[in-house]
Amino acid sequence: MKAWHRLALKVAGALAALYLAALTGLYTIMCQPPEVFGSIMRHVPDLAFMVFPFRPLWLNARGGHLKVGDPAPDFTLETQDKKSRVQLSSFRGVKPVVLVFGSYT
């Protein structure tokens, strides 16, 4: 094998290893809580969204494991007036709860 073939294979291998490491890092970041994810992703250049398969990684990292009929995971939120906190499980068996995730702004 010629020297330039070996060099080309080494360069290709190094680039593939770098791509895989960056992909693994991106997936790890996507698995973090939203505050951490957002604080890191604001520094990622737009070019990264064209180079990496962002959508499939995101859907896998944030897909969740709940199935229809599973109880919602418990969580606590601050009330709008910021004077108290409400826990989802406190409503279990008492009254129905509708969770709406989205933005109205």
PDB file of N, CA and C in Angstrom:
ATOM      1  N   MET A   1       0.849  -1.175   0.000  1.00  0.00           N
ATOM      2  CA  MET A   1       0.000   0.000   0.000  1.00  0.00           C
ATOM      3  C   MET A   1       0.897   1.241   0.000  1.00  0.00           C
ATOM      4  N   LYS A   2       0.529   2.187  -0.775  1.00  0.00           N
ATOM      5  CA  LYS A   2       1.339   3.407  -0.884  1.00  0.00           C
ATOM      6  C   LYS A   2       1.206   4.265   0.367  1.00  0.00           C
ATOM      7  N   ALA A   3       2.199   5.098   0.586  1.00  0.00           N
ATOM      8  CA  ALA A   3       2.238   5.933   1.779  1.00  0.00           C
ATOM      9  C   ALA A   3       1.045   6.882   1.845  1.00  0.00           C
ATOM     10  N   TRP A   4       0.633   7.436   0.715  1.00  0.00           N
ATOM     11  CA  TRP A   4      -0.488   8.383   0.747  1.00  0.00           C
ATOM     12  C   TRP A   4      -1.803   7.680   1.030  1.00  0.00           C
ATOM     13  N   HIS A   5      -1.910   6.378   0.669  1.00  0.00           N
ATOM     14  CA  HIS A   5      -3.107   5.602   1.011  1.00  0.00           C
ATOM     15  C   HIS A   5      -3.204   5.438   2.532  1.00  0.00           C
ATOM     16  N   ARG A   6      -2.066   5.095   3.148  1.00  0.00           N
ATOM     17  CA  ARG A   6      -2.038   4.934   4.600  1.00  0.00           C
ATOM     18  C   ARG A   6      -2.359   6.255   5.301  1.00  0.00           C
ATOM     19  N   LEU A   7      -1.802   7.322   4.783  1.00  0.00           N
ATOM     20  CA  LEU A   7      -2.064   8.637   5.363  1.00  0.00           C
ATOM     21  C   LEU A   7      -3.548   9.001   5.239  1.00  0.00           C
ATOM     22  N   ALA A   8      -4.114   8.740   4.069  1.00  0.00           N
ATOM     23  CA  ALA A   8      -5.541   9.025   3.848  1.00  0.00           C
ATOM     24  C   ALA A   8      -6.409   8.199   4.796  1.00  0.00           C
ATOM     25  N   LEU A   9      -6.050   6.937   5.008  1.00  0.00           N
ATOM     26  CA  LEU A   9      -6.813   6.093   5.935  1.00  0.00           C
ATOM     27  C   LEU A   9      -6.687   6.596   7.373  1.00  0.00           C
ATOM     28  N   LYS A  10      -5.514   7.030   7.762  1.00  0.00           N
ATOM     29  CA  LYS A  10      -5.323   7.563   9.110  1.00  0.00           C
ATOM     30  C   LYS A  10      -6.132   8.835   9.314  1.00  0.00           C
ATOM     31  N   VAL A  11      -6.107   9.715   8.316  1.00  0.00           N
ATOM     32  CA  VAL A  11      -6.868  10.973   8.406  1.00  0.00           C
ATOM     33  C   VAL A  11      -8.366  10.673   8.467  1.00  0.00           C
ATOM     34  N   ALA A  12      -8.828   9.756   7.620  1.00  0.00           N
ATOM     35  CA  ALA A  12     -10.249   9.389   7.613  1.00  0.00           C
ATOM     36  C   ALA A  12     -10.639   8.763   8.951  1.00  0.00           C
ATOM     37  N   GLY A  13      -9.797   7.923   9.490  1.00  0.00           N
ATOM     38  CA  GLY A  13     -10.067   7.307  10.786  1.00  0.00           C
ATOM     39  C   GLY A  13     -10.118   8.335  11.903  1.00  0.00           C
ATOM     40  N   ALA A  14      -9.195   9.279  11.870  1.00  0.00           N
ATOM     41  CA  ALA A  14      -9.177  10.331  12.888  1.00  0.00           C
ATOM     42  C   ALA A  14     -10.429  11.202  12.789  1.00  0.00           C
ATOM     43  N   LEU A  15     -10.836  11.551  11.557  1.00  0.00           N
ATOM     44  CA  LEU A  15     -12.045  12.357  11.376  1.00  0.00           C
ATOM     45  C   LEU A  15     -13.290  11.602  11.843  1.00  0.00           C
ATOM     46  N   ALA A  16     -13.342  10.306  11.547  1.00  0.00           N
ATOM     47  CA  ALA A  16     -14.478   9.484  11.983  1.00  0.00           C
ATOM     48  C   ALA A  16     -14.521   9.405  13.512  1.00  0.00           C
ATOM     49  N   ALA A  17     -13.360   9.261  14.141  1.00  0.00           N
ATOM     50  CA  ALA A  17     -13.306   9.204  15.603  1.00  0.00           C
ATOM     51  C   ALA A  17     -13.747  10.537  16.212  1.00  0.00           C
ATOM     52  N   LEU A  18     -13.321  11.657  15.635  1.00  0.00           N
ATOM     53  CA  LEU A  18     -13.732  12.978  16.115  1.00  0.00           C
ATOM     54  C   LEU A  18     -15.235  13.179  15.963  1.00  0.00           C
ATOM     55  N   TYR A  19     -15.783  12.766  14.829  1.00  0.00           N
ATOM     56  CA  TYR A  19     -17.224  12.892  14.572  1.00  0.00           C
ATOM     57  C   TYR A  19     -18.003  12.075  15.598  1.00  0.00           C
ATOM     58  N   LEU A  20     -17.563  10.844  15.823  1.00  0.00           N
ATOM     59  CA  LEU A  20     -18.233   9.969  16.785  1.00  0.00           C
ATOM     60  C   LEU A  20     -18.152  10.540  18.195  1.00  0.00           C
ATOM     61  N   ALA A  21     -17.004  11.102  18.570  1.00  0.00           N
ATOM     62  CA  ALA A  21     -16.853  11.712  19.892  1.00  0.00           C
ATOM     63  C   ALA A  21     -17.774  12.927  20.027  1.00  0.00           C
ATOM     64  N   ALA A  22     -17.854  13.753  18.999  1.00  0.00           N
ATOM     65  CA  ALA A  22     -18.734  14.922  19.034  1.00  0.00           C
ATOM     66  C   ALA A  22     -20.196  14.497  19.101  1.00  0.00           C
ATOM     67  N   LEU A  23     -20.555  13.454  18.364  1.00  0.00           N
ATOM     68  CA  LEU A  23     -21.920  12.930  18.374  1.00  0.00           C
ATOM     69  C   LEU A  23     -22.283  12.409  19.762  1.00  0.00           C
ATOM     70  N   THR A  24     -21.361  11.691  20.384  1.00  0.00           N
ATOM     71  CA  THR A  24     -21.579  11.166  21.730  1.00  0.00           C
ATOM     72  C   THR A  24     -21.725  12.313  22.723  1.00  0.00           C
ATOM     73  N   GLY A  25     -20.887  13.338  22.586  1.00  0.00           N
ATOM     74  CA  GLY A  25     -20.987  14.502  23.463  1.00  0.00           C
ATOM     75  C   GLY A  25     -22.307  15.222  23.307  1.00  0.00           C
ATOM     76  N   LEU A  26     -22.756  15.395  22.071  1.00  0.00           N
ATOM     77  CA  LEU A  26     -24.025  16.067  21.799  1.00  0.00           C
ATOM     78  C   LEU A  26     -25.184  15.285  22.408  1.00  0.00           C
ATOM     79  N   TYR A  27     -25.167  13.965  22.257  1.00  0.00           N
ATOM     80  CA  TYR A  27     -26.226  13.123  22.820  1.00  0.00           C
ATOM     81  C   TYR A  27     -26.231  13.220  24.347  1.00  0.00           C
ATOM     82  N   THR A  28     -25.041  13.218  24.945  1.00  0.00           N
ATOM     83  CA  THR A  28     -24.930  13.339  26.399  1.00  0.00           C
ATOM     84  C   THR A  28     -25.500  14.669  26.870  1.00  0.00           C
ATOM     85  N   ILE A  29     -25.226  15.736  26.136  1.00  0.00           N
ATOM     86  CA  ILE A  29     -25.765  17.054  26.475  1.00  0.00           C
ATOM     87  C   ILE A  29     -27.284  17.046  26.372  1.00  0.00           C
ATOM     88  N   MET A  30     -27.822  16.388  25.368  1.00  0.00           N
ATOM     89  CA  MET A  30     -29.274  16.337  25.179  1.00  0.00           C
ATOM     90  C   MET A  30     -29.983  15.590  26.306  1.00  0.00           C
ATOM     91  N   CYS A  31     -29.273  14.722  26.982  1.00  0.00           N
ATOM     92  CA  CYS A  31     -29.863  13.957  28.086  1.00  0.00           C
ATOM     93  C   CYS A  31     -29.864  14.740  29.403  1.00  0.00           C
ATOM     94  N   GLN A  32     -29.268  15.909  29.423  1.00  0.00           N
ATOM     95  CA  GLN A  32     -29.186  16.728  30.638  1.00  0.00           C
ATOM     96  C   GLN A  32     -30.505  17.466  30.872  1.00  0.00           C
ATOM     97  N   PRO A  33     -30.711  17.973  32.092  1.00  0.00           N
ATOM     98  CA  PRO A  33     -31.910  18.778  32.356  1.00  0.00           C
ATOM     99  C   PRO A  33     -31.946  20.004  31.430  1.00  0.00           C
ATOM    100  N   PRO A  34     -33.134  20.534  31.154  1.00  0.00           N
ATOM    101  CA  PRO A  34     -33.275  21.643  30.204  1.00  0.00           C
ATOM    102  C   PRO A  34     -32.373  22.837  30.468  1.00  0.00           C
ATOM    103  N   GLU A  35     -32.164  23.201  31.744  1.00  0.00           N
ATOM    104  CA  GLU A  35     -31.328  24.364  32.038  1.00  0.00           C
ATOM    105  C   GLU A  35     -29.891  24.130  31.581  1.00  0.00           C
ATOM    106  N   VAL A  36     -29.385  22.934  31.865  1.00  0.00           N
ATOM    107  CA  VAL A  36     -28.016  22.591  31.481  1.00  0.00           C
ATOM    108  C   VAL A  36     -27.919  22.504  29.962  1.00  0.00           C
ATOM    109  N   PHE A  37     -28.876  21.813  29.349  1.00  0.00           N
ATOM    110  CA  PHE A  37     -28.904  21.667  27.894  1.00  0.00           C
ATOM    111  C   PHE A  37     -28.886  23.029  27.211  1.00  0.00           C
ATOM    112  N   GLY A  38     -29.765  23.924  27.654  1.00  0.00           N
ATOM    113  CA  GLY A  38     -29.863  25.251  27.046  1.00  0.00           C
ATOM    114  C   GLY A  38     -28.604  26.078  27.212  1.00  0.00           C
ATOM    115  N   SER A  39     -28.001  26.002  28.404  1.00  0.00           N
ATOM    116  CA  SER A  39     -26.798  26.807  28.647  1.00  0.00           C
ATOM    117  C   SER A  39     -25.619  26.329  27.806  1.00  0.00           C
ATOM    118  N   ILE A  40     -25.599  25.059  27.458  1.00  0.00           N
ATOM    119  CA  ILE A  40     -24.518  24.536  26.615  1.00  0.00           C
ATOM    120  C   ILE A  40     -24.823  24.770  25.137  1.00  0.00           C
ATOM    121  N   MET A  41     -26.056  24.494  24.729  1.00  0.00           N
ATOM    122  CA  MET A  41     -26.413  24.572  23.308  1.00  0.00           C
ATOM    123  C   MET A  41     -26.366  25.991  22.753  1.00  0.00           C
ATOM    124  N   ARG A  42     -26.469  26.996  23.604  1.00  0.00           N
ATOM    125  CA  ARG A  42     -26.410  28.370  23.083  1.00  0.00           C
ATOM    126  C   ARG A  42     -25.024  28.697  22.532  1.00  0.00           C
ATOM    127  N   HIS A  43     -24.032  27.890  22.885  1.00  0.00           N
ATOM    128  CA  HIS A  43     -22.672  28.103  22.391  1.00  0.00           C
ATOM    129  C   HIS A  43     -22.346  27.261  21.159  1.00  0.00           C
ATOM    130  N   VAL A  44     -23.264  26.384  20.765  1.00  0.00           N
ATOM    131  CA  VAL A  44     -23.023  25.509  19.610  1.00  0.00           C
ATOM    132  C   VAL A  44     -23.293  26.287  18.324  1.00  0.00           C
ATOM    133  N   PRO A  45     -22.343  26.281  17.393  1.00  0.00           N
ATOM    134  CA  PRO A  45     -22.549  27.020  16.137  1.00  0.00           C
ATOM    135  C   PRO A  45     -23.649  26.391  15.277  1.00  0.00           C
ATOM    136  N   ASP A  46     -24.294  27.216  14.472  1.00  0.00           N
ATOM    137  CA  ASP A  46     -25.377  26.746  13.609  1.00  0.00           C
ATOM    138  C   ASP A  46     -24.937  25.637  12.659  1.00  0.00           C
ATOM    139  N   LEU A  47     -23.694  25.653  12.256  1.00  0.00           N
ATOM    140  CA  LEU A  47     -23.172  24.629  11.347  1.00  0.00           C
ATOM    141  C   LEU A  47     -23.348  23.225  11.924  1.00  0.00           C
ATOM    142  N   ALA A  48     -23.279  23.107  13.237  1.00  0.00           N
ATOM    143  CA  ALA A  48     -23.418  21.795  13.879  1.00  0.00           C
ATOM    144  C   ALA A  48     -24.773  21.163  13.577  1.00  0.00           C
ATOM    145  N   PHE A  49     -25.806  21.988  13.407  1.00  0.00           N
ATOM    146  CA  PHE A  49     -27.142  21.460  13.138  1.00  0.00           C
ATOM    147  C   PHE A  49     -27.247  20.881  11.729  1.00  0.00           C
ATOM    148  N   MET A  50     -26.338  21.267  10.862  1.00  0.00           N
ATOM    149  CA  MET A  50     -26.315  20.713   9.510  1.00  0.00           C
ATOM    150  C   MET A  50     -25.437  19.475   9.425  1.00  0.00           C
ATOM    151  N   VAL A  51     -24.468  19.374  10.325  1.00  0.00           N
ATOM    152  CA  VAL A  51     -23.484  18.287  10.275  1.00  0.00           C
ATOM    153  C   VAL A  51     -23.952  17.060  11.057  1.00  0.00           C
ATOM    154  N   PHE A  52     -24.658  17.286  12.161  1.00  0.00           N
ATOM    155  CA  PHE A  52     -25.080  16.178  13.020  1.00  0.00           C
ATOM    156  C   PHE A  52     -26.573  15.905  12.853  1.00  0.00           C
ATOM    157  N   PRO A  53     -26.985  14.646  13.023  1.00  0.00           N
ATOM    158  CA  PRO A  53     -28.421  14.293  12.919  1.00  0.00           C
ATOM    159  C   PRO A  53     -29.150  14.706  14.195  1.00  0.00           C
ATOM    160  N   PHE A  54     -29.381  16.008  14.332  1.00  0.00           N
ATOM    161  CA  PHE A  54     -29.926  16.577  15.561  1.00  0.00           C
ATOM    162  C   PHE A  54     -31.287  15.980  15.924  1.00  0.00           C
ATOM    163  N   ARG A  55     -32.205  15.923  14.979  1.00  0.00           N
ATOM    164  CA  ARG A  55     -33.578  15.475  15.283  1.00  0.00           C
ATOM    165  C   ARG A  55     -33.626  14.035  15.799  1.00  0.00           C
ATOM    166  N   PRO A  56     -32.999  13.062  15.126  1.00  0.00           N
ATOM    167  CA  PRO A  56     -33.047  11.691  15.672  1.00  0.00           C
ATOM    168  C   PRO A  56     -32.387  11.580  17.048  1.00  0.00           C
ATOM    169  N   LEU A  57     -31.292  12.307  17.255  1.00  0.00           N
ATOM    170  CA  LEU A  57     -30.648  12.281  18.568  1.00  0.00           C
ATOM    171  C   LEU A  57     -31.587  12.849  19.625  1.00  0.00           C
ATOM    172  N   TRP A  58     -32.234  13.971  19.300  1.00  0.00           N
ATOM    173  CA  TRP A  58     -33.145  14.630  20.231  1.00  0.00           C
ATOM    174  C   TRP A  58     -34.327  13.726  20.571  1.00  0.00           C
ATOM    175  N   LEU A  59     -34.923  13.118  19.565  1.00  0.00           N
ATOM    176  CA  LEU A  59     -36.077  12.258  19.810  1.00  0.00           C
ATOM    177  C   LEU A  59     -35.701  11.052  20.663  1.00  0.00           C
ATOM    178  N   ASN A  60     -34.497  10.539  20.476  1.00  0.00           N
ATOM    179  CA  ASN A  60     -34.048   9.410  21.279  1.00  0.00           C
ATOM    180  C   ASN A  60     -33.723   9.847  22.699  1.00  0.00           C
ATOM    181  N   ALA A  61     -33.021  10.972  22.841  1.00  0.00           N
ATOM    182  CA  ALA A  61     -32.605  11.439  24.166  1.00  0.00           C
ATOM    183  C   ALA A  61     -33.789  11.904  25.005  1.00  0.00           C
ATOM    184  N   ARG A  62     -34.786  12.501  24.380  1.00  0.00           N
ATOM    185  CA  ARG A  62     -35.916  13.077  25.105  1.00  0.00           C
ATOM    186  C   ARG A  62     -37.206  12.309  24.915  1.00  0.00           C
ATOM    187  N   GLY A  63     -37.145  11.128  24.321  1.00  0.00           N
ATOM    188  CA  GLY A  63     -38.346  10.360  24.006  1.00  0.00           C
ATOM    189  C   GLY A  63     -39.141   9.926  25.214  1.00  0.00           C
ATOM    190  N   GLY A  64     -38.474   9.688  26.319  1.00  0.00           N
ATOM    191  CA  GLY A  64     -39.172   9.226  27.519  1.00  0.00           C
ATOM    192  C   GLY A  64     -39.498   7.748  27.435  1.00  0.00           C
ATOM    193  N   HIS A  65     -40.042   7.244  28.517  1.00  0.00           N
ATOM    194  CA  HIS A  65     -40.318   5.813  28.584  1.00  0.00           C
ATOM    195  C   HIS A  65     -41.752   5.519  29.007  1.00  0.00           C
ATOM    196  N   LEU A  66     -42.584   6.550  29.047  1.00  0.00           N
ATOM    197  CA  LEU A  66     -43.971   6.339  29.445  1.00  0.00           C
ATOM    198  C   LEU A  66     -44.786   5.754  28.308  1.00  0.00           C
ATOM    199  N   LYS A  67     -45.770   4.965  28.691  1.00  0.00           N
ATOM    200  CA  LYS A  67     -46.712   4.408  27.721  1.00  0.00           C
ATOM    201  C   LYS A  67     -48.103   4.914  28.076  1.00  0.00           C
ATOM    202  N   VAL A  68     -49.007   4.815  27.145  1.00  0.00           N
ATOM    203  CA  VAL A  68     -50.382   5.237  27.393  1.00  0.00           C
ATOM    204  C   VAL A  68     -50.909   4.476  28.599  1.00  0.00           C
ATOM    205  N   GLY A  69     -51.491   5.207  29.533  1.00  0.00           N
ATOM    206  CA  GLY A  69     -52.044   4.596  30.742  1.00  0.00           C
ATOM    207  C   GLY A  69     -51.103   4.643  31.934  1.00  0.00           C
ATOM    208  N   ASP A  70     -49.806   4.892  31.718  1.00  0.00           N
ATOM    209  CA  ASP A  70     -48.862   5.017  32.830  1.00  0.00           C
ATOM    210  C   ASP A  70     -49.159   6.295  33.605  1.00  0.00           C
ATOM    211  N   PRO A  71     -48.968   6.266  34.922  1.00  0.00           N
ATOM    212  CA  PRO A  71     -49.150   7.514  35.682  1.00  0.00           C
ATOM    213  C   PRO A  71     -48.055   8.513  35.334  1.00  0.00           C
ATOM    214  N   ALA A  72     -48.412   9.779  35.375  1.00  0.00           N
ATOM    215  CA  ALA A  72     -47.433  10.837  35.088  1.00  0.00           C
ATOM    216  C   ALA A  72     -46.384  10.850  36.193  1.00  0.00           C
ATOM    217  N   PRO A  73     -45.133  11.126  35.840  1.00  0.00           N
ATOM    218  CA  PRO A  73     -44.102  11.234  36.880  1.00  0.00           C
ATOM    219  C   PRO A  73     -44.419  12.410  37.810  1.00  0.00           C
ATOM    220  N   ASP A  74     -44.119  12.224  39.067  1.00  0.00           N
ATOM    221  CA  ASP A  74     -44.400  13.274  40.042  1.00  0.00           C
ATOM    222  C   ASP A  74     -43.419  14.434  39.872  1.00  0.00           C
ATOM    223  N   PHE A  75     -43.903  15.642  40.071  1.00  0.00           N
ATOM    224  CA  PHE A  75     -43.041  16.817  40.041  1.00  0.00           C
ATOM    225  C   PHE A  75     -43.674  17.909  40.892  1.00  0.00           C
ATOM    226  N   THR A  76     -42.865  18.879  41.249  1.00  0.00           N
ATOM    227  CA  THR A  76     -43.310  20.010  42.050  1.00  0.00           C
ATOM    228  C   THR A  76     -43.032  21.290  41.276  1.00  0.00           C
ATOM    229  N   LEU A  77     -44.016  22.190  41.261  1.00  0.00           N
ATOM    230  CA  LEU A  77     -43.874  23.482  40.580  1.00  0.00           C
ATOM    231  C   LEU A  77     -44.237  24.609  41.520  1.00  0.00           C
ATOM    232  N   GLU A  78     -43.629  25.753  41.270  1.00  0.00           N
ATOM    233  CA  GLU A  78     -43.955  26.959  42.013  1.00  0.00           C
ATOM    234  C   GLU A  78     -45.253  27.534  41.449  1.00  0.00           C
ATOM    235  N   THR A  79     -46.100  28.074  42.322  1.00  0.00           N
ATOM    236  CA  THR A  79     -47.339  28.696  41.855  1.00  0.00           C
ATOM    237  C   THR A  79     -47.010  30.007  41.143  1.00  0.00           C
ATOM    238  N   GLN A  80     -47.997  30.530  40.409  1.00  0.00           N
ATOM    239  CA  GLN A  80     -47.765  31.767  39.654  1.00  0.00           C
ATOM    240  C   GLN A  80     -47.393  32.937  40.544  1.00  0.00           C
ATOM    241  N   ASP A  81     -47.995  32.995  41.725  1.00  0.00           N
ATOM    242  CA  ASP A  81     -47.672  34.112  42.626  1.00  0.00           C
ATOM    243  C   ASP A  81     -46.362  33.889  43.385  1.00  0.00           C
ATOM    244  N   LYS A  82     -45.732  32.752  43.176  1.00  0.00           N
ATOM    245  CA  LYS A  82     -44.431  32.394  43.764  1.00  0.00           C
ATOM    246  C   LYS A  82     -44.461  32.328  45.291  1.00  0.00           C
ATOM    247  N   LYS A  83     -45.665  32.099  45.865  1.00  0.00           N
ATOM    248  CA  LYS A  83     -45.784  32.036  47.314  1.00  0.00           C
ATOM    249  C   LYS A  83     -45.795  30.610  47.859  1.00  0.00           C
ATOM    250  N   SER A  84     -46.026  29.639  46.989  1.00  0.00           N
ATOM    251  CA  SER A  84     -46.056  28.244  47.450  1.00  0.00           C
ATOM    252  C   SER A  84     -45.687  27.323  46.293  1.00  0.00           C
ATOM    253  N   ARG A  85     -45.652  26.045  46.601  1.00  0.00           N
ATOM    254  CA  ARG A  85     -45.330  25.031  45.593  1.00  0.00           C
ATOM    255  C   ARG A  85     -46.471  24.015  45.554  1.00  0.00           C
ATOM    256  N   VAL A  86     -46.693  23.424  44.394  1.00  0.00           N
ATOM    257  CA  VAL A  86     -47.744  22.430  44.209  1.00  0.00           C
ATOM    258  C   VAL A  86     -47.094  21.159  43.687  1.00  0.00           C
ATOM    259  N   GLN A  87     -47.480  20.020  44.270  1.00  0.00           N
ATOM    260  CA  GLN A  87     -46.939  18.732  43.838  1.00  0.00           C
ATOM    261  C   GLN A  87     -48.036  17.962  43.113  1.00  0.00           C
ATOM    262  N   LEU A  88     -47.699  17.437  41.938  1.00  0.00           N
ATOM    263  CA  LEU A  88     -48.687  16.728  41.116  1.00  0.00           C
ATOM    264  C   LEU A  88     -49.333  15.583  41.884  1.00  0.00           C
ATOM    265  N   SER A  89     -48.559  14.815  42.614  1.00  0.00           N
ATOM    266  CA  SER A  89     -49.109  13.644  43.301  1.00  0.00           C
ATOM    267  C   SER A  89     -50.150  14.011  44.359  1.00  0.00           C
ATOM    268  N   SER A  90     -50.182  15.267  44.787  1.00  0.00           N
ATOM    269  CA  SER A  90     -51.180  15.664  45.785  1.00  0.00           C
ATOM    270  C   SER A  90     -52.600  15.631  45.207  1.00  0.00           C
ATOM    271  N   PHE A  91     -52.734  15.606  43.886  1.00  0.00           N
ATOM    272  CA  PHE A  91     -54.049  15.554  43.241  1.00  0.00           C
ATOM    273  C   PHE A  91     -54.486  14.133  42.890  1.00  0.00           C
ATOM    274  N   ARG A  92     -53.560  13.167  42.992  1.00  0.00           N
ATOM    275  CA  ARG A  92     -53.863  11.793  42.595  1.00  0.00           C
ATOM    276  C   ARG A  92     -55.018  11.237  43.423  1.00  0.00           C
ATOM    277  N   GLY A  93     -56.058  10.789  42.749  1.00  0.00           N
ATOM    278  CA  GLY A  93     -57.224  10.221  43.407  1.00  0.00           C
ATOM    279  C   GLY A  93     -58.181  11.261  43.960  1.00  0.00           C
ATOM    280  N   VAL A  94     -57.842  12.539  43.851  1.00  0.00           N
ATOM    281  CA  VAL A  94     -58.689  13.603  44.386  1.00  0.00           C
ATOM    282  C   VAL A  94     -59.518  14.231  43.278  1.00  0.00           C
ATOM    283  N   LYS A  95     -58.832  14.648  42.221  1.00  0.00           N
ATOM    284  CA  LYS A  95     -59.528  15.245  41.086  1.00  0.00           C
ATOM    285  C   LYS A  95     -58.670  15.093  39.840  1.00  0.00           C
ATOM    286  N   PRO A  96     -59.308  15.163  38.678  1.00  0.00           N
ATOM    287  CA  PRO A  96     -58.534  15.023  37.431  1.00  0.00           C
ATOM    288  C   PRO A  96     -57.609  16.216  37.219  1.00  0.00           C
ATOM    289  N   VAL A  97     -56.495  15.951  36.593  1.00  0.00           N
ATOM    290  CA  VAL A  97     -55.523  16.995  36.285  1.00  0.00           C
ATOM    291  C   VAL A  97     -55.220  16.928  34.798  1.00  0.00           C
ATOM    292  N   VAL A  98     -55.216  18.082  34.146  1.00  0.00           N
ATOM    293  CA  VAL A  98     -54.846  18.157  32.732  1.00  0.00           C
ATOM    294  C   VAL A  98     -53.516  18.887  32.652  1.00  0.00           C
ATOM    295  N   LEU A  99     -52.538  18.256  32.055  1.00  0.00           N
ATOM    296  CA  LEU A  99     -51.239  18.880  31.883  1.00  0.00           C
ATOM    297  C   LEU A  99     -51.118  19.367  30.448  1.00  0.00           C
ATOM    298  N   VAL A 100     -50.815  20.649  30.290  1.00  0.00           N
ATOM    299  CA  VAL A 100     -50.645  21.233  28.964  1.00  0.00           C
ATOM    300  C   VAL A 100     -49.232  21.766  28.899  1.00  0.00           C
ATOM    301  N   PHE A 101     -48.453  21.226  27.978  1.00  0.00           N
ATOM    302  CA  PHE A 101     -47.086  21.681  27.803  1.00  0.00           C
ATOM    303  C   PHE A 101     -47.013  22.488  26.529  1.00  0.00           C
ATOM    304  N   GLY A 102     -46.573  23.698  26.637  1.00  0.00           N
ATOM    305  CA  GLY A 102     -46.481  24.547  25.465  1.00  0.00           C
ATOM    306  C   GLY A 102     -46.322  25.992  25.896  1.00  0.00           C
ATOM    307  N   SER A 103     -46.405  26.860  24.932  1.00  0.00           N
ATOM    308  CA  SER A 103     -46.239  28.279  25.212  1.00  0.00           C
ATOM    309  C   SER A 103     -47.427  29.038  24.641  1.00  0.00           C
ATOM    310  N   TYR A 104     -47.884  29.971  25.394  1.00  0.00           N
ATOM    311  CA  TYR A 104     -48.998  30.787  24.933  1.00  0.00           C
ATOM    312  C   TYR A 104     -48.541  32.192  24.607  1.00  0.00           C
ATOM    313  N   THR A 105     -47.244  32.380  24.458  1.00  0.00           N
ATOM    314  CA  THR A 105     -46.733  33.716  24.156  1.00  0.00           C
ATOM    315  C   THR A 105     -46.433  33.856  22.680  1.00  0.00           C
TER     316      THR A 105
END
